[in-house]
Protein backbone atom coordinates (compact mmCIF):
# COMPACT_ATOMS: atom_id res chain seq x y z
CA MET A 1 -3.06 -2.79 -14.59
CA ASN A 2 -1.47 -5.61 -12.71
CA ARG A 3 -3.21 -8.93 -11.79
CA PHE A 4 -5.18 -7.60 -8.98
CA GLU A 5 -8.47 -5.93 -9.97
CA GLU A 6 -8.90 -2.23 -9.38
CA ASN A 7 -9.10 -1.42 -5.81
CA ILE A 8 -12.59 -0.73 -4.97
CA LEU A 9 -11.64 -0.42 -1.06
CA LEU A 10 -9.75 2.72 -1.99
CA GLU A 11 -12.66 4.15 -3.45
CA LYS A 12 -14.93 3.57 -0.66
CA ILE A 13 -12.28 5.00 1.78
CA LEU A 14 -11.95 8.17 -0.29
CA GLU A 15 -15.90 8.52 -0.52
CA ALA A 16 -16.27 8.01 3.18
CA ARG A 17 -13.48 10.44 4.14
CA GLY A 18 -13.88 12.94 1.54
CA ASP A 19 -11.90 16.12 2.05
CA GLU A 20 -11.84 15.27 5.84
CA GLN A 21 -8.61 13.89 5.77
CA GLU A 22 -5.19 13.80 3.65
CA PHE A 23 -3.89 10.32 2.96
CA LEU A 24 -0.25 9.34 1.74
CA LYS A 25 -0.34 6.66 -0.86
CA ALA A 26 2.65 4.60 -2.22
CA ASP A 27 2.48 5.49 -5.72
CA GLY A 28 1.76 2.38 -7.93
CA PHE A 29 0.55 0.11 -5.32
CA ASP A 30 -3.48 1.24 -4.95
CA THR A 31 -4.57 -2.28 -5.52
CA ALA A 32 -2.39 -3.30 -2.49
CA ILE A 33 -4.58 -1.23 -0.04
CA ILE A 34 -6.46 -3.52 2.31
CA GLY A 35 -7.69 -0.72 4.88
CA LEU A 36 -7.50 2.27 6.93
CA GLU A 37 -6.14 2.63 10.46
CA GLU A 38 -9.02 4.81 11.56
CA SER A 39 -7.49 6.60 14.59
CA SER A 40 -4.30 7.92 12.63
CA GLY A 41 -5.90 7.97 9.20
CA ARG A 42 -2.87 5.82 7.65
CA LEU A 43 -3.59 3.67 4.93
CA ILE A 44 -2.88 -0.24 5.23
CA TYR A 45 -1.16 -1.91 2.57
CA SER A 46 -0.75 -5.78 1.84
CA VAL A 47 2.88 -6.59 1.95
CA SER A 48 2.19 -9.74 -0.13
CA ARG A 49 0.36 -7.83 -2.76
CA ILE A 50 3.17 -5.19 -2.94
CA ILE A 51 5.60 -8.07 -3.51
CA ALA A 52 3.39 -9.40 -6.21
CA ILE A 53 3.36 -6.09 -8.17
CA LEU A 54 6.85 -5.70 -7.91
CA MET A 55 7.34 -9.16 -9.27
CA GLU A 56 6.06 -8.11 -12.53
CA ASP A 57 9.05 -6.37 -13.45
CA MET A 58 11.57 -8.28 -11.40
CA GLU A 59 12.70 -11.40 -9.55
CA GLU A 60 11.40 -12.08 -6.21
CA SER A 61 14.75 -11.45 -4.28
CA ASP A 62 14.82 -8.13 -6.07
CA ALA A 63 11.41 -7.37 -5.30
CA TRP A 64 11.96 -7.87 -1.55
CA GLU A 65 15.19 -5.78 -1.60
CA HIS A 66 13.48 -3.03 -3.30
CA TYR A 67 10.43 -3.20 -0.75
CA TYR A 68 12.62 -3.12 2.13
CA TYR A 69 14.78 -0.30 1.00
CA ASN A 70 12.44 2.04 -0.90
CA ILE A 71 9.23 1.25 0.57
CA GLU A 72 9.26 -0.12 4.17
CA GLY A 73 12.41 1.88 4.87
CA GLY A 74 10.80 5.34 3.75
CA TYR A 75 9.26 7.26 6.62
CA VAL A 76 7.41 10.26 5.29
CA GLY A 77 5.78 11.81 8.26
CA GLU A 78 2.85 10.90 10.32
CA TYR A 79 0.72 9.69 7.64
CA THR A 80 3.45 7.13 6.49
CA PRO A 81 1.48 3.95 5.38
CA ILE A 82 1.26 0.84 7.26
CA TRP A 83 2.68 -2.30 5.76
CA CYS A 84 0.74 -5.45 6.95
CA TYR A 85 2.78 -8.52 6.58
CA ASP A 86 -0.07 -10.78 5.41
CA TYR A 87 1.99 -14.07 4.60
CA PHE A 88 0.21 -16.65 6.59
């Protein structure tokens, strides 16, 4: 497990929605989930947390390159997650 605690929010979202809706999750980034866009049912991920998770295995510049190319750049349909830039 990375430096973030297990994501209780994901468990709450799944409990509340149950089988009512399908979700597309970014593999390996459950602890970066920060919410759900209610009308579309898309999961919202913290970009700062994603970068921190990636930096456990690579340098920051490589983490950003990997994020832009492999995560943000990948469209997988109408349930593609939302990437929240939360560096403020």
